[in-house]
Amino acid sequence: MSVIRKQQPLGEILKGMGVINPSQLEEVLRIGKATNTRIGKVLVNLGYVTEEEIARALAEQYQMPWVMLSNVILEPGVVRLIPEALARRFNVIAYALDGTDLKVAMLDPLNVIAIDELRKAVKYRIIPVVTTESEIGKSIDQYYGMEYSLEDMVKKAQTSGAELIAGEADEAEKLEKVAGEASVIQLVNMLMSRAVLEGASDIHIEPDSDLMRVRLRIDGVLHETANLPLKLHPAVISRVKVLGELDIAEKRVPQDGRFVVKIGTRDIDIRVSTLPTIFGEKIVMRLLDKGTMILEVEHLTPFPDVLEVLKRVIRRPYGMVLITGPTGSGKSTTAYTLLSILNTIDKNIVTVEDPVEYHLKRVNQVQVNAKAGVTFASALRHILRQDPDIMMIGEIRDKETAEIAIHASLTGHMVISTVHTNDAIGTVSRLLDMGIEPYLVSSAVSCIVGQRLVRKICRNCIKPYDVDAKMLEDLGVRFQGKTPQFFRGSGCQACKNTGLKGRLGIYEVLVFDDELRSLILSKADKNIILEAAKKKGYKTLRVQGVRAVIGGHTTVEEVLQATQSVD
């Protein structure tokens, strides 16, 4: 292994780093030899160093990473790559898999024999990661001492005293106790780990009359993943509340919280929302995986013409770009992506969000806090005194926020924001309905982007098929000459037999020109504005969806469903 440079004893490393002195080392070596105990353990027992100091010393000396395993949710499949016998023999545990590299947490990263044995057993390149003895011991017992099926986790929780009858756990102390049960912690960790591995955006934990249902939202669609005993509901809910720093005893009012977990090498930001129902509290956890968010405009859409328009508009020195669509249509991701284009060292970028979903480098992000008096409108007033070049407003919800945003765009700022409307054309009417004067809308707005998300055809099981003529008629498609080939997924393990995997954005981009501004000033009908835009090359969401179908990216059914509100 290239990372291992020399087999230097731990005691010499610690002495060289000034953690212990020569006399202490002599004492430790003498005790270790007499008792046949490793010097690291002797050092800890004598109180000269902590386990963490030993790990840090090794990591620093040999320029290796180190990790506190208790802060990480390990992936069961990765852990099991190393047979339990080898893990216990060499005191190691698989930490994360990165391509062909298997990161292994080790007590002794210099043990070349262990590294060679592990490499032969797993067929991966072994990358040592330093940790402490107790961390490895606890992790080995935790992960190898149990089965990794959800059913086994449930059984373990049931037999550990975590079961509670509704109404039996009114005392916060009792709830806190069951929330700290190892079996409950493992069960909740498994639910989160499974959700991340399956690419879920949300976890729904909801009680019913006779069971607790767990559903995952994957690619915008909810999938039932487990039905758990109802008696486990108080324990599971309490565990999530503890993580989100919510009031365990309060079950009558909704609560919101947030926490971060580490699953493998990925930091997952989780937003928690509780809601009282007739059968108990429902919890929804929104998973924000920073590692999977690709803020590159090329990943928004496969159509270069759409990208070029977006790039051209966003690079204007001032103006307002509005992104519109229903909840869950990807507006925030588009806004962040456009912001990333403008995020250079010479720009002062400030955002106001509710909530801040992703943290961006060099961007000053403000969290809305209504209780503290920090609203979109109040924050924007102060931001204008912060010498901003670019502003991003999470959502324009009212006239006051809209007016401040428009004022900012008219005074030399680029403003990016989102609005809840069905399509780009309808956004004009929405602003006018808020009470914004037509001359302000026509002057301030540079571009309106309407968008939807459609599921992509699974590339693992894609195949051609003939679309029903009635469906093409519903789509509004008429072909001159030969009908193009259509595709769909037949269903496979990769896509959970849905034929669809991942999502794709379809965009309509309405760029304001003199003619459109004139029509808005005259309060022209929506259909008149639409026809004028079409003559300039404007393509509706439905048209863009048809392009995605013909290109083999998605299906007719997906486009029909996504664009039915904009027919």
Protein backbone atom coordinates (compact mmCIF):
# COMPACT_ATOMS: atom_id res chain seq x y z
CA MET A 1 0.00 0.00 0.00
CA SER A 2 1.31 3.35 -1.01
CA VAL A 3 -0.19 5.10 2.05
CA ILE A 4 1.96 3.08 4.44
CA ARG A 5 5.41 4.57 4.56
CA LYS A 6 7.01 2.93 7.58
CA GLN A 7 6.14 0.75 10.51
CA GLN A 8 6.83 3.26 13.27
CA PRO A 9 5.64 2.27 16.76
CA LEU A 10 2.71 4.21 18.18
CA GLY A 11 4.67 5.22 21.26
CA GLU A 12 7.39 6.84 19.16
CA ILE A 13 4.76 8.69 17.13
CA LEU A 14 3.13 10.11 20.24
CA LYS A 15 6.50 11.00 21.78
CA GLY A 16 7.59 12.72 18.60
CA MET A 17 4.40 14.77 18.57
CA GLY A 18 4.91 15.81 22.20
CA VAL A 19 1.80 14.04 23.47
CA ILE A 20 3.82 11.97 25.97
CA ASN A 21 7.36 12.35 27.35
CA PRO A 22 10.20 9.78 27.29
CA SER A 23 9.70 8.67 30.89
CA GLN A 24 5.99 8.06 30.31
CA LEU A 25 6.82 6.03 27.21
CA GLU A 26 9.29 3.91 29.17
CA GLU A 27 6.68 3.28 31.86
CA VAL A 28 4.04 2.35 29.30
CA LEU A 29 6.37 -0.02 27.44
CA ARG A 30 7.31 -1.73 30.69
CA ILE A 31 3.68 -2.20 31.76
CA GLY A 32 2.67 -3.31 28.29
CA LYS A 33 5.41 -5.93 28.15
CA ALA A 34 4.66 -7.24 31.63
CA THR A 35 0.91 -7.48 31.07
CA ASN A 36 0.99 -8.31 27.34
CA THR A 37 -1.20 -5.27 26.66
CA ARG A 38 -1.00 -2.92 23.69
CA ILE A 39 0.62 0.38 24.60
CA GLY A 40 -2.32 2.36 23.27
CA LYS A 41 -4.60 0.70 25.80
CA VAL A 42 -2.04 1.23 28.58
CA LEU A 43 -1.74 4.90 27.72
CA VAL A 44 -5.51 5.34 27.90
CA ASN A 45 -5.79 3.33 31.15
CA LEU A 46 -3.10 5.47 32.78
CA GLY A 47 -4.87 8.63 31.65
CA TYR A 48 -1.89 9.95 29.70
CA VAL A 49 -3.89 10.22 26.47
CA THR A 50 -7.41 9.67 25.23
CA GLU A 51 -8.41 7.26 22.50
CA GLU A 52 -9.28 10.22 20.30
CA GLU A 53 -5.79 11.71 20.82
CA ILE A 54 -4.22 8.43 19.72
CA ALA A 55 -6.38 8.36 16.59
CA ARG A 56 -5.66 11.99 15.80
CA ALA A 57 -1.95 11.48 16.31
CA LEU A 58 -1.84 8.58 13.90
CA ALA A 59 -3.96 10.42 11.35
CA GLU A 60 -1.78 13.51 11.47
CA GLN A 61 1.51 11.63 11.44
CA TYR A 62 0.61 9.50 8.45
CA GLN A 63 -1.63 12.02 6.69
CA MET A 64 -4.64 9.72 6.82
CA PRO A 65 -8.26 10.67 7.41
CA TRP A 66 -9.85 9.80 10.74
CA VAL A 67 -13.49 9.33 11.63
CA MET A 68 -15.78 9.05 14.64
CA LEU A 69 -17.95 6.11 13.63
CA SER A 70 -20.65 7.07 16.12
CA ASN A 71 -21.37 10.14 13.99
CA VAL A 72 -21.88 8.09 10.84
CA ILE A 73 -24.69 5.80 9.67
CA LEU A 74 -22.83 3.00 7.96
CA GLU A 75 -24.35 1.27 4.98
CA PRO A 76 -25.03 -2.38 5.87
CA GLY A 77 -24.05 -3.66 2.44
CA VAL A 78 -20.67 -1.94 2.70
CA VAL A 79 -20.04 -3.22 6.24
CA ARG A 80 -20.73 -6.79 5.18
CA LEU A 81 -18.10 -6.67 2.43
CA ILE A 82 -15.64 -7.65 5.14
CA PRO A 83 -16.48 -11.01 6.77
CA GLU A 84 -17.17 -10.71 10.48
CA ALA A 85 -14.29 -13.06 11.33
CA LEU A 86 -11.78 -10.79 9.58
CA ALA A 87 -13.31 -7.65 11.08
CA ARG A 88 -12.93 -9.01 14.62
CA ARG A 89 -9.52 -10.55 13.95
CA PHE A 90 -7.97 -7.29 12.74
CA ASN A 91 -10.27 -4.89 14.65
CA VAL A 92 -11.54 -3.14 11.51
CA ILE A 93 -14.86 -2.20 9.93
CA ALA A 94 -15.73 -1.11 6.39
CA TYR A 95 -16.59 2.57 6.46
CA ALA A 96 -17.51 3.58 2.90
CA LEU A 97 -17.19 2.37 -0.69
CA ASP A 98 -15.97 4.90 -3.25
CA GLY A 99 -15.71 3.28 -6.67
CA THR A 100 -13.01 0.63 -6.37
CA ASP A 101 -11.74 2.02 -3.05
CA LEU A 102 -13.01 0.54 0.21
CA LYS A 103 -12.43 2.86 3.16
CA VAL A 104 -11.76 0.78 6.25
CA ALA A 105 -11.72 2.19 9.78
CA MET A 106 -8.77 0.64 11.60
CA LEU A 107 -7.20 0.79 15.01
CA ASP A 108 -3.77 0.14 13.49
CA PRO A 109 -3.53 1.61 9.98
CA LEU A 110 0.08 0.41 9.75
CA ASN A 111 -0.87 -3.26 9.87
CA VAL A 112 0.15 -4.23 6.35
CA ILE A 113 -0.75 -7.88 7.03
CA ALA A 114 -4.32 -6.88 7.83
CA ILE A 115 -4.53 -4.63 4.77
CA ASP A 116 -3.26 -7.41 2.48
CA GLU A 117 -5.68 -9.95 3.95
CA LEU A 118 -8.60 -7.55 3.57
CA ARG A 119 -7.65 -6.72 -0.01
CA LYS A 120 -7.59 -10.42 -0.93
CA ALA A 121 -10.95 -11.01 0.76
CA VAL A 122 -12.94 -8.11 -0.69
CA LYS A 123 -11.17 -7.55 -4.06
CA TYR A 124 -11.14 -3.77 -3.48
CA ARG A 125 -8.28 -1.37 -2.86
CA ILE A 126 -8.10 -0.80 0.90
CA ILE A 127 -7.89 2.80 2.10
CA PRO A 128 -7.13 2.94 5.86
CA VAL A 129 -9.18 5.37 7.95
CA VAL A 130 -8.10 5.95 11.55
CA THR A 131 -10.53 5.63 14.45
CA THR A 132 -10.55 4.58 18.10
CA GLU A 133 -10.71 1.12 19.66
CA SER A 134 -14.04 1.70 21.39
CA GLU A 135 -15.60 3.09 18.21
CA ILE A 136 -14.61 -0.01 16.25
CA GLY A 137 -15.74 -2.35 19.03
CA LYS A 138 -19.18 -0.71 19.29
CA SER A 139 -19.60 -0.66 15.51
CA ILE A 140 -18.64 -4.32 15.09
CA ASP A 141 -21.08 -5.37 17.81
CA GLN A 142 -23.80 -3.14 16.39
CA TYR A 143 -23.51 -4.02 12.72
CA TYR A 144 -22.42 -7.65 12.84
CA GLY A 145 -24.50 -8.52 15.85
CA MET A 146 -27.75 -8.03 13.99
CA GLU A 147 -29.46 -8.94 10.80
CA TYR A 148 -29.96 -6.12 8.37
CA SER A 149 -33.48 -6.78 7.26
CA LEU A 150 -36.13 -4.32 8.38
CA GLU A 151 -38.17 -7.21 9.76
CA ASP A 152 -35.34 -8.20 12.06
CA MET A 153 -34.95 -4.62 13.21
CA VAL A 154 -38.63 -4.48 14.10
CA LYS A 155 -38.41 -7.75 16.05
CA LYS A 156 -35.41 -6.47 17.95
CA ALA A 157 -37.22 -3.25 18.83
CA GLN A 158 -40.29 -5.18 19.95
CA THR A 159 -38.30 -7.39 22.30
CA SER A 160 -36.24 -4.54 23.74
CA GLY A 161 -39.08 -2.79 25.53
CA ALA A 162 -39.54 -0.12 22.87
CA GLU A 163 -43.18 -1.04 22.29
CA LEU A 164 -45.61 1.43 23.82
CA ILE A 165 -49.37 1.60 23.71
CA ALA A 166 -50.84 4.88 22.54
CA GLY A 167 -51.61 7.02 25.59
CA GLU A 168 -49.19 5.06 27.73
CA ALA A 169 -46.21 7.24 26.98
CA ASP A 170 -47.39 10.65 28.12
CA GLU A 171 -44.38 11.37 30.25
CA ALA A 172 -41.45 12.97 28.47
CA GLU A 173 -39.01 10.93 30.56
CA LYS A 174 -40.51 7.65 29.38
CA LEU A 175 -40.58 8.77 25.76
CA GLU A 176 -36.98 9.91 25.96
CA LYS A 177 -35.97 6.54 27.41
CA VAL A 178 -37.50 4.49 24.58
CA ALA A 179 -36.10 6.95 22.01
CA GLY A 180 -32.64 6.12 23.33
CA GLU A 181 -33.04 2.34 23.02
CA ALA A 182 -30.32 0.95 20.76
CA SER A 183 -32.86 -1.05 18.76
CA VAL A 184 -34.97 2.07 18.09
CA ILE A 185 -31.89 4.04 17.05
CA GLN A 186 -30.90 1.24 14.67
CA LEU A 187 -34.43 1.03 13.24
CA VAL A 188 -34.63 4.77 12.53
CA ASN A 189 -31.09 4.75 11.13
CA MET A 190 -32.03 1.92 8.79
CA LEU A 191 -35.10 3.79 7.54
CA MET A 192 -32.98 6.85 6.78
CA SER A 193 -30.17 4.83 5.21
CA ARG A 194 -32.60 2.92 2.98
CA ALA A 195 -34.25 6.18 1.89
CA VAL A 196 -30.91 7.73 0.92
CA LEU A 197 -29.74 4.62 -0.93
CA GLU A 198 -32.99 4.49 -2.92
CA GLY A 199 -32.75 8.18 -3.85
CA ALA A 200 -35.83 9.26 -1.89
CA SER A 201 -36.58 12.94 -1.34
CA ASP A 202 -38.99 12.39 1.59
CA ILE A 203 -39.76 9.81 4.27
CA HIS A 204 -43.39 9.63 5.44
CA ILE A 205 -44.02 7.92 8.80
CA GLU A 206 -47.75 7.86 9.38
CA PRO A 207 -49.91 6.02 11.92
CA ASP A 208 -53.12 4.29 10.92
CA SER A 209 -55.77 2.50 12.96
CA ASP A 210 -53.81 -0.75 13.11
CA LEU A 211 -50.27 -0.08 11.85
CA MET A 212 -47.53 2.46 11.20
CA ARG A 213 -46.94 3.01 7.50
CA VAL A 214 -43.58 4.09 6.05
CA ARG A 215 -43.56 5.55 2.54
CA LEU A 216 -40.72 6.97 0.46
CA ARG A 217 -41.12 9.62 -2.22
CA ILE A 218 -38.89 8.60 -5.12
CA ASP A 219 -38.86 10.63 -8.34
CA GLY A 220 -41.92 12.50 -7.12
CA VAL A 221 -44.03 9.38 -6.46
CA LEU A 222 -44.78 7.84 -3.04
CA HIS A 223 -43.90 4.15 -2.61
CA GLU A 224 -44.96 2.11 0.42
CA THR A 225 -41.81 0.55 1.81
CA ALA A 226 -42.88 -0.90 5.16
CA ASN A 227 -45.81 -1.52 7.50
CA LEU A 228 -44.62 -1.55 11.12
CA PRO A 229 -46.42 -2.41 14.37
CA LEU A 230 -48.41 0.53 15.70
CA LYS A 231 -46.99 0.01 19.20
CA LEU A 232 -43.57 1.12 17.90
CA HIS A 233 -44.95 4.44 16.72
CA PRO A 234 -44.28 6.47 19.94
CA ALA A 235 -40.69 5.22 20.09
CA VAL A 236 -39.93 5.93 16.41
CA ILE A 237 -41.55 9.36 16.49
CA SER A 238 -39.73 10.25 19.71
CA ARG A 239 -36.38 9.22 18.23
CA VAL A 240 -36.91 11.49 15.21
CA LYS A 241 -38.00 14.30 17.52
CA VAL A 242 -34.84 13.91 19.61
CA LEU A 243 -32.73 14.17 16.45
CA GLY A 244 -34.65 17.27 15.31
CA GLU A 245 -34.48 18.86 18.81
CA LEU A 246 -38.27 18.97 19.07
CA ASP A 247 -40.46 18.76 22.18
CA ILE A 248 -41.03 15.04 22.75
CA ALA A 249 -43.99 15.54 25.08
CA GLU A 250 -45.85 17.95 22.76
CA LYS A 251 -48.14 15.94 20.47
CA ARG A 252 -51.02 18.37 19.98
CA VAL A 253 -49.43 20.99 17.72
CA PRO A 254 -47.27 20.75 14.59
CA GLN A 255 -43.51 21.16 15.03
CA ASP A 256 -40.60 21.76 12.66
CA GLY A 257 -36.98 20.82 13.15
CA ARG A 258 -33.75 20.04 11.38
CA PHE A 259 -30.69 17.84 11.79
CA VAL A 260 -27.75 16.45 9.82
CA VAL A 261 -26.75 12.79 9.57
CA LYS A 262 -23.77 11.23 7.89
CA ILE A 263 -24.57 8.16 5.80
CA GLY A 264 -21.33 6.70 4.51
CA THR A 265 -19.40 9.69 3.21
CA ARG A 266 -22.53 11.74 2.49
CA ASP A 267 -23.83 14.55 4.70
CA ILE A 268 -27.63 14.48 4.58
CA ASP A 269 -29.52 17.55 5.78
CA ILE A 270 -32.93 16.44 7.07
CA ARG A 271 -35.92 18.73 7.69
CA VAL A 272 -38.53 17.32 10.05
CA SER A 273 -42.22 18.23 10.14
CA THR A 274 -44.72 16.74 12.60
CA LEU A 275 -48.51 16.86 12.22
CA PRO A 276 -51.12 15.64 14.73
CA THR A 277 -53.63 13.21 13.17
CA ILE A 278 -56.53 11.23 14.65
CA PHE A 279 -54.29 8.17 15.03
CA GLY A 280 -51.23 10.01 16.33
CA GLU A 281 -48.43 12.17 14.98
CA LYS A 282 -47.35 11.90 11.38
CA ILE A 283 -43.78 12.79 10.53
CA VAL A 284 -42.34 13.80 7.17
CA MET A 285 -38.59 14.00 6.77
CA ARG A 286 -37.29 15.92 3.75
CA LEU A 287 -33.85 14.63 2.69
CA LEU A 288 -31.46 17.18 1.21
CA ASP A 289 -28.39 15.44 -0.14
CA LYS A 290 -25.81 18.07 -1.06
CA GLY A 291 -23.68 15.47 -2.75
CA THR A 292 -26.33 14.69 -5.35
CA MET A 293 -27.23 18.26 -6.20
CA ILE A 294 -25.44 19.17 -9.42
CA LEU A 295 -25.55 22.93 -9.91
CA GLU A 296 -24.61 22.96 -13.57
CA VAL A 297 -27.01 24.46 -16.08
CA GLU A 298 -26.28 21.67 -18.60
CA HIS A 299 -27.98 19.21 -16.24
CA LEU A 300 -31.28 21.11 -16.25
CA THR A 301 -32.46 20.11 -19.71
CA PRO A 302 -31.15 18.17 -22.75
CA PHE A 303 -32.15 20.98 -25.16
CA PRO A 304 -29.26 23.38 -25.99
CA ASP A 305 -31.58 26.12 -27.28
CA VAL A 306 -33.29 26.38 -23.88
CA LEU A 307 -29.92 26.51 -22.12
CA GLU A 308 -28.64 29.28 -24.36
CA VAL A 309 -31.67 31.46 -23.67
CA LEU A 310 -31.32 30.94 -19.92
CA LYS A 311 -27.60 31.72 -19.97
CA ARG A 312 -28.12 34.86 -22.04
CA VAL A 313 -30.88 36.26 -19.83
CA ILE A 314 -29.18 35.48 -16.52
CA ARG A 315 -26.00 37.33 -17.52
CA ARG A 316 -27.80 40.65 -17.99
CA PRO A 317 -26.60 43.26 -15.48
CA TYR A 318 -30.07 43.79 -14.01
CA GLY A 319 -33.67 42.67 -14.28
CA MET A 320 -35.93 40.05 -12.75
CA VAL A 321 -36.02 36.35 -13.64
CA LEU A 322 -39.08 34.54 -12.29
CA ILE A 323 -39.30 30.75 -12.04
CA THR A 324 -42.81 29.39 -11.81
CA GLY A 325 -44.52 26.06 -11.32
CA PRO A 326 -46.40 24.06 -8.68
CA THR A 327 -44.89 22.69 -5.47
CA GLY A 328 -42.32 19.99 -6.19
CA SER A 329 -41.61 21.09 -9.75
CA GLY A 330 -37.92 21.82 -9.09
CA LYS A 331 -38.09 25.62 -8.89
CA SER A 332 -35.54 25.86 -6.06
CA THR A 333 -33.03 23.66 -7.87
CA THR A 334 -33.34 25.80 -11.01
CA ALA A 335 -32.91 29.00 -8.97
CA TYR A 336 -29.79 27.61 -7.25
CA THR A 337 -28.37 26.47 -10.58
CA LEU A 338 -28.87 29.88 -12.21
CA LEU A 339 -27.35 31.48 -9.13
CA SER A 340 -24.28 29.24 -9.45
CA ILE A 341 -23.62 30.70 -12.93
CA LEU A 342 -23.43 34.16 -11.39
CA ASN A 343 -21.51 33.11 -8.27
CA THR A 344 -18.10 34.67 -8.87
CA ILE A 345 -15.70 36.33 -6.45
CA ASP A 346 -16.53 39.82 -7.75
CA LYS A 347 -20.27 39.56 -7.03
CA ASN A 348 -22.10 40.13 -3.76
CA ILE A 349 -24.96 37.64 -3.77
CA VAL A 350 -27.61 37.65 -1.04
CA THR A 351 -30.59 35.30 -0.74
CA VAL A 352 -33.74 35.26 1.40
CA GLU A 353 -35.16 31.76 1.76
CA ASP A 354 -37.76 29.84 3.73
CA PRO A 355 -36.05 27.57 4.48
CA VAL A 356 -32.44 27.63 3.28
CA GLU A 357 -32.26 24.28 1.50
CA TYR A 358 -28.65 24.20 0.34
CA HIS A 359 -25.66 26.17 1.56
CA LEU A 360 -23.74 27.86 -1.25
CA LYS A 361 -20.13 29.08 -0.97
CA ARG A 362 -19.61 32.86 -1.24
CA VAL A 363 -23.38 33.42 -1.00
CA ASN A 364 -24.92 35.29 1.96
CA GLN A 365 -28.07 33.32 2.77
CA VAL A 366 -30.78 34.67 5.06
CA GLN A 367 -33.33 32.40 6.74
CA VAL A 368 -36.88 33.72 7.08
CA ASN A 369 -37.97 33.74 10.73
CA ALA A 370 -41.48 35.14 11.12
CA LYS A 371 -41.38 34.82 14.94
CA ALA A 372 -38.36 37.09 15.04
CA GLY A 373 -39.88 39.49 12.52
CA VAL A 374 -37.65 38.38 9.62
CA THR A 375 -40.03 38.12 6.67
CA PHE A 376 -39.24 38.17 2.95
CA ALA A 377 -40.19 41.84 2.79
CA SER A 378 -38.32 42.99 5.92
CA ALA A 379 -35.19 41.05 4.97
CA LEU A 380 -35.23 42.52 1.45
CA ARG A 381 -35.33 46.08 2.79
CA HIS A 382 -32.16 45.44 4.79
CA ILE A 383 -30.47 43.54 1.97
CA LEU A 384 -30.76 46.59 -0.28
CA ARG A 385 -28.46 48.37 2.21
CA GLN A 386 -25.90 45.53 1.93
CA ASP A 387 -24.61 46.62 -1.49
CA PRO A 388 -25.90 43.52 -3.32
CA ASP A 389 -25.24 42.76 -6.98
CA ILE A 390 -27.56 39.77 -7.18
CA MET A 391 -30.53 38.85 -5.01
CA MET A 392 -32.43 35.61 -4.80
CA ILE A 393 -35.86 35.59 -3.17
CA GLY A 394 -37.15 32.17 -2.22
CA GLU A 395 -40.74 33.02 -3.15
CA ILE A 396 -42.83 36.08 -3.99
CA ARG A 397 -46.01 35.58 -1.98
CA ASP A 398 -47.48 39.05 -1.57
CA LYS A 399 -47.64 42.56 -3.00
CA GLU A 400 -45.08 44.00 -0.55
CA THR A 401 -42.40 41.46 -1.44
CA ALA A 402 -43.14 41.83 -5.16
CA GLU A 403 -42.82 45.63 -5.01
CA ILE A 404 -39.47 45.52 -3.20
CA ALA A 405 -38.14 42.91 -5.64
CA ILE A 406 -39.27 45.00 -8.61
CA HIS A 407 -37.71 48.12 -7.11
CA ALA A 408 -34.42 46.21 -6.70
CA SER A 409 -34.42 45.06 -10.33
CA LEU A 410 -35.15 48.59 -11.56
CA THR A 411 -32.25 50.04 -9.56
CA GLY A 412 -29.53 47.95 -11.14
CA HIS A 413 -29.80 44.52 -9.45
CA MET A 414 -30.32 41.06 -10.88
CA VAL A 415 -33.21 39.44 -9.01
CA ILE A 416 -34.10 35.75 -9.17
CA SER A 417 -37.28 34.50 -7.52
CA THR A 418 -40.05 31.91 -7.69
CA VAL A 419 -43.83 32.26 -8.00
CA HIS A 420 -46.58 29.66 -7.65
CA THR A 421 -48.46 29.75 -10.97
CA ASN A 422 -49.34 27.16 -13.59
CA ASP A 423 -47.32 28.57 -16.47
CA ALA A 424 -45.13 31.47 -17.59
CA ILE A 425 -47.92 33.49 -19.23
CA GLY A 426 -50.12 33.13 -16.14
CA THR A 427 -47.39 34.71 -14.00
CA VAL A 428 -48.07 38.08 -15.60
CA SER A 429 -51.72 37.87 -14.53
CA ARG A 430 -50.65 36.76 -11.04
CA LEU A 431 -48.47 39.85 -10.56
CA LEU A 432 -51.22 42.13 -11.83
CA ASP A 433 -53.72 40.45 -9.49
CA MET A 434 -51.35 41.19 -6.59
CA GLY A 435 -51.83 44.87 -7.36
CA ILE A 436 -48.56 45.49 -9.21
CA GLU A 437 -48.94 48.17 -11.87
CA PRO A 438 -48.57 46.95 -15.48
CA TYR A 439 -45.78 49.45 -16.20
CA LEU A 440 -43.73 48.01 -13.31
CA VAL A 441 -44.21 44.41 -14.51
CA SER A 442 -43.27 45.27 -18.08
CA SER A 443 -40.21 47.28 -17.00
CA ALA A 444 -38.79 45.03 -14.30
CA VAL A 445 -39.30 41.46 -15.56
CA SER A 446 -36.71 40.16 -18.02
CA CYS A 447 -37.81 36.53 -18.25
CA ILE A 448 -40.31 34.05 -16.84
CA VAL A 449 -39.41 30.36 -16.72
CA GLY A 450 -42.24 27.84 -16.36
CA GLN A 451 -41.22 24.31 -15.48
CA ARG A 452 -42.32 20.80 -14.65
CA LEU A 453 -40.52 17.61 -13.68
CA VAL A 454 -41.18 14.38 -15.57
CA ARG A 455 -39.78 10.95 -14.85
CA LYS A 456 -37.15 9.67 -17.26
CA ILE A 457 -37.29 6.33 -19.04
CA CYS A 458 -35.07 3.78 -17.31
CA ARG A 459 -32.01 3.33 -19.52
CA ASN A 460 -31.59 -0.22 -18.25
CA CYS A 461 -34.88 -1.51 -19.69
CA ILE A 462 -35.80 1.03 -22.40
CA LYS A 463 -37.55 -0.41 -25.45
CA PRO A 464 -39.62 0.89 -28.39
CA TYR A 465 -43.42 0.68 -28.41
CA ASP A 466 -46.44 1.97 -30.30
CA VAL A 467 -48.35 4.79 -28.65
CA ASP A 468 -52.13 4.66 -28.65
CA ALA A 469 -53.57 7.08 -31.23
CA LYS A 470 -56.01 8.51 -28.66
CA MET A 471 -53.14 9.36 -26.35
CA LEU A 472 -51.33 11.22 -29.14
CA GLU A 473 -54.53 13.10 -29.83
CA ASP A 474 -54.78 14.06 -26.15
CA LEU A 475 -51.20 15.26 -26.34
CA GLY A 476 -52.11 17.45 -29.29
CA VAL A 477 -49.49 15.91 -31.58
CA ARG A 478 -49.92 15.59 -35.33
CA PHE A 479 -47.09 14.28 -37.45
CA GLN A 480 -46.58 14.95 -41.10
CA GLY A 481 -45.14 11.94 -42.83
CA LYS A 482 -43.61 9.11 -40.81
CA THR A 483 -44.49 8.88 -37.12
CA PRO A 484 -41.34 8.87 -34.94
CA GLN A 485 -40.39 5.94 -32.75
CA PHE A 486 -41.58 6.13 -29.13
CA PHE A 487 -39.96 4.47 -26.13
CA ARG A 488 -40.79 3.29 -22.63
CA GLY A 489 -39.25 1.10 -19.92
CA SER A 490 -40.37 -2.50 -19.64
CA GLY A 491 -39.57 -2.59 -15.91
CA CYS A 492 -36.55 -4.01 -14.13
CA GLN A 493 -34.92 -4.21 -10.73
CA ALA A 494 -33.09 -0.91 -11.26
CA CYS A 495 -36.34 1.04 -11.65
CA LYS A 496 -38.44 -1.09 -9.26
CA ASN A 497 -40.39 -2.37 -12.26
CA THR A 498 -41.80 1.09 -13.01
CA GLY A 499 -39.91 1.59 -16.28
CA LEU A 500 -38.95 5.05 -15.02
CA LYS A 501 -35.88 6.20 -13.10
CA GLY A 502 -34.73 9.75 -12.34
CA ARG A 503 -36.37 13.01 -13.38
CA LEU A 504 -35.98 15.56 -16.12
CA GLY A 505 -37.02 19.21 -16.25
CA ILE A 506 -39.11 20.58 -19.10
CA TYR A 507 -39.02 24.36 -19.45
CA GLU A 508 -40.89 27.12 -21.20
CA VAL A 509 -38.90 30.34 -21.34
CA LEU A 510 -40.78 33.61 -21.93
CA VAL A 511 -38.30 36.39 -22.69
CA PHE A 512 -39.72 39.91 -22.57
CA ASP A 513 -39.23 42.13 -25.64
CA ASP A 514 -40.73 45.47 -26.67
CA GLU A 515 -43.86 43.89 -28.15
CA LEU A 516 -44.62 41.84 -25.04
CA ARG A 517 -43.97 44.82 -22.78
CA SER A 518 -46.39 46.88 -24.87
CA LEU A 519 -49.09 44.20 -24.62
CA ILE A 520 -48.66 44.00 -20.84
CA LEU A 521 -48.90 47.80 -20.55
CA SER A 522 -52.18 47.70 -22.44
CA LYS A 523 -53.43 44.85 -20.18
CA ALA A 524 -53.90 42.58 -23.19
CA ASP A 525 -55.66 39.24 -22.79
CA LYS A 526 -53.52 36.24 -21.84
CA ASN A 527 -54.23 34.50 -25.16
CA ILE A 528 -53.09 37.54 -27.14
CA ILE A 529 -49.79 37.62 -25.23
CA LEU A 530 -49.40 33.86 -25.80
CA GLU A 531 -49.90 34.11 -29.56
CA ALA A 532 -47.47 37.02 -29.81
CA ALA A 533 -44.85 35.03 -27.86
CA LYS A 534 -45.30 31.96 -30.07
CA LYS A 535 -44.54 34.03 -33.16
CA LYS A 536 -41.19 34.92 -31.53
CA GLY A 537 -40.31 31.25 -30.97
CA TYR A 538 -41.83 30.68 -27.53
CA LYS A 539 -42.54 26.98 -26.89
CA THR A 540 -45.10 25.98 -24.26
CA LEU A 541 -44.58 23.31 -21.60
CA ARG A 542 -46.65 20.88 -23.64
CA VAL A 543 -44.51 21.47 -26.75
CA GLN A 544 -41.30 21.06 -24.74
CA GLY A 545 -42.71 17.87 -23.26
CA VAL A 546 -43.41 16.49 -26.75
CA ARG A 547 -39.79 17.26 -27.69
CA ALA A 548 -38.66 15.21 -24.67
CA VAL A 549 -40.92 12.31 -25.75
CA ILE A 550 -39.62 12.31 -29.32
CA GLY A 551 -36.06 12.49 -28.00
CA GLY A 552 -36.62 9.26 -26.04
CA HIS A 553 -36.20 10.96 -22.65
CA THR A 554 -39.68 10.38 -21.21
CA THR A 555 -43.09 8.94 -22.03
CA VAL A 556 -46.33 10.37 -23.40
CA GLU A 557 -48.08 9.48 -20.13
CA GLU A 558 -45.58 11.47 -18.07
CA VAL A 559 -45.94 14.59 -20.22
CA LEU A 560 -49.74 14.38 -20.20
CA GLN A 561 -49.78 14.11 -16.42
CA ALA A 562 -47.24 16.91 -15.89
CA THR A 563 -48.87 19.39 -18.26
CA GLN A 564 -52.58 18.67 -17.80
CA SER A 565 -53.04 21.95 -15.88
CA VAL A 566 -51.70 24.02 -18.77
CA ASP A 567 -53.76 22.62 -21.64
